[in-house]
């Protein structure tokens, strides 16, 4: 009973603080409610969808404080939404098909490959703004 009362409070605090499902919600669901990691991950997706939907609806009607435009940059949204869907589906398939160690190694290799590109891009943007 305490878990079911505590879970919405911690999920709300995590959503406000920007803490995603993997770092807060999934371990809580596993430890406190005795679900497996795969079940807890899918439950976390449902919780995350609800909180994202509520935040998106609230932000859709807000305006930028200094410029006359919406707070949300919809051109970036049109680029990110398909990539998020693709990445989520690939992550789900990897979680189902591969053992955890193989998925972890694949993720580390991906980060090693993409990190130099992101570093160069960030450095270029930093020098342009200076």
Protein backbone atom coordinates (compact mmCIF):
# COMPACT_ATOMS: atom_id res chain seq x y z
CA UNK A 1 0.00 0.00 0.00
CA UNK A 2 2.84 2.37 0.86
CA UNK A 3 4.43 1.66 -2.52
CA UNK A 4 1.30 2.60 -4.43
CA UNK A 5 1.06 5.86 -2.46
CA UNK A 6 4.76 6.64 -2.81
CA UNK A 7 5.12 5.81 -6.51
CA UNK A 8 3.01 8.71 -7.93
CA UNK A 9 4.79 11.24 -5.71
CA UNK A 10 8.27 10.13 -6.75
CA UNK A 11 7.20 9.85 -10.40
CA UNK A 12 5.85 13.42 -10.25
CA UNK A 13 9.04 14.74 -8.69
CA UNK A 14 11.10 12.83 -11.25
CA UNK A 15 9.06 14.20 -14.15
CA UNK A 16 9.42 17.78 -12.93
CA UNK A 17 13.15 17.29 -12.43
CA UNK A 18 13.61 15.70 -15.86
CA UNK A 19 14.53 12.25 -14.52
CA UNK A 20 13.55 9.61 -17.04
CA UNK A 21 12.12 6.16 -16.60
CA UNK A 22 15.36 4.21 -16.66
CA UNK A 23 17.00 5.91 -13.73
CA UNK A 24 14.09 6.31 -11.31
CA UNK A 25 10.89 4.59 -12.34
CA UNK A 26 12.19 1.22 -13.54
CA UNK A 27 14.27 0.43 -10.41
CA UNK A 28 11.38 1.48 -8.18
CA UNK A 29 8.93 -0.74 -10.03
CA UNK A 30 11.39 -3.65 -9.92
CA UNK A 31 12.31 -3.30 -6.25
CA UNK A 32 9.02 -2.22 -4.74
CA UNK A 33 6.48 -4.05 -6.90
CA UNK A 34 8.55 -7.16 -7.80
CA UNK A 35 8.21 -6.90 -11.59
CA UNK A 36 10.87 -8.21 -13.98
CA UNK A 37 13.08 -5.68 -15.72
CA UNK A 38 11.29 -6.06 -19.06
CA UNK A 39 7.84 -5.61 -17.51
CA UNK A 40 9.06 -2.64 -15.48
CA UNK A 41 10.50 -1.05 -18.61
CA UNK A 42 7.19 -1.28 -20.47
CA UNK A 43 5.28 0.05 -17.45
CA UNK A 44 7.76 2.92 -17.31
CA UNK A 45 7.02 3.70 -20.98
CA UNK A 46 3.32 4.02 -20.17
CA UNK A 47 4.02 6.32 -17.21
CA UNK A 48 6.43 8.39 -19.29
CA UNK A 49 3.87 8.71 -22.10
CA UNK A 50 1.27 10.10 -19.67
CA UNK A 51 3.62 12.68 -18.21
CA UNK A 52 4.96 13.72 -21.64
CA UNK A 53 1.45 14.09 -22.99
CA UNK A 54 0.42 16.33 -20.10
CA UNK A 55 3.56 18.48 -20.39
CA UNK A 56 3.16 18.78 -24.17
CA UNK A 57 -0.43 19.94 -23.89
CA UNK A 58 0.56 22.56 -21.31
CA UNK A 59 3.50 23.83 -23.40
CA UNK A 60 1.58 23.96 -26.70
CA UNK A 61 -0.31 27.06 -25.62
CA UNK A 62 2.60 28.98 -24.09
CA UNK A 63 4.43 31.72 -25.98
CA UNK A 64 8.10 32.66 -25.96
CA UNK A 65 8.74 35.32 -23.28
CA UNK A 66 10.66 37.78 -25.50
CA UNK A 67 9.80 36.85 -29.09
CA UNK A 68 6.42 36.58 -30.75
CA UNK A 69 6.49 32.84 -31.44
CA UNK A 70 5.43 29.61 -29.72
CA UNK A 71 7.58 28.26 -26.92
CA UNK A 72 7.97 24.95 -28.77
CA UNK A 73 10.12 25.02 -31.91
CA UNK A 74 8.02 22.83 -34.18
CA UNK A 75 10.73 22.45 -36.84
CA UNK A 76 12.89 20.63 -34.31
CA UNK A 77 9.88 18.57 -33.22
CA UNK A 78 9.32 17.41 -36.79
CA UNK A 79 12.92 16.17 -36.90
CA UNK A 80 13.09 14.64 -33.42
CA UNK A 81 9.76 12.79 -33.26
CA UNK A 82 10.53 10.22 -35.97
CA UNK A 83 14.02 9.69 -34.54
CA UNK A 84 12.67 9.15 -31.02
CA UNK A 85 10.14 6.63 -32.34
CA UNK A 86 12.83 4.82 -34.31
CA UNK A 87 15.26 4.80 -31.39
CA UNK A 88 12.62 3.58 -28.95
CA UNK A 89 11.61 0.73 -31.22
CA UNK A 90 15.22 -0.30 -31.81
CA UNK A 91 15.80 -0.20 -28.04
CA UNK A 92 12.75 -2.37 -27.40
CA UNK A 93 13.85 -4.92 -29.99
CA UNK A 94 17.38 -5.00 -28.56
CA UNK A 95 15.96 -5.45 -25.07
CA UNK A 96 13.89 -8.42 -26.25
CA UNK A 97 16.35 -10.08 -28.65
CA UNK A 98 19.77 -9.56 -27.11
CA UNK A 99 21.08 -10.44 -23.67
CA UNK A 100 21.82 -7.42 -21.49
CA UNK A 101 25.60 -7.68 -21.85
CA UNK A 102 25.41 -7.68 -25.67
CA UNK A 103 23.05 -4.69 -25.69
CA UNK A 104 25.37 -2.87 -23.27
CA UNK A 105 28.43 -3.54 -25.44
CA UNK A 106 26.54 -2.41 -28.56
CA UNK A 107 25.51 0.81 -26.81
CA UNK A 108 29.07 1.52 -25.62
CA UNK A 109 30.45 0.96 -29.13
CA UNK A 110 27.80 3.31 -30.53
CA UNK A 111 28.79 6.01 -28.02
CA UNK A 112 32.48 5.62 -28.87
CA UNK A 113 31.70 6.00 -32.56
CA UNK A 114 29.44 9.04 -32.24
CA UNK A 115 31.27 10.91 -29.42
CA UNK A 116 34.03 12.48 -31.60
CA UNK A 117 31.42 13.83 -34.04
CA UNK A 118 29.35 15.32 -31.21
CA UNK A 119 32.48 16.82 -29.64
CA UNK A 120 33.50 18.49 -32.93
CA UNK A 121 29.97 19.78 -33.50
CA UNK A 122 29.74 21.17 -29.96
CA UNK A 123 33.16 22.80 -30.21
CA UNK A 124 32.23 24.42 -33.53
CA UNK A 125 28.97 25.79 -32.12
CA UNK A 126 30.80 27.08 -29.03
CA UNK A 127 33.39 28.92 -31.14
CA UNK A 128 30.69 30.42 -33.38
CA UNK A 129 28.83 31.88 -30.39
CA UNK A 130 32.00 33.34 -28.86
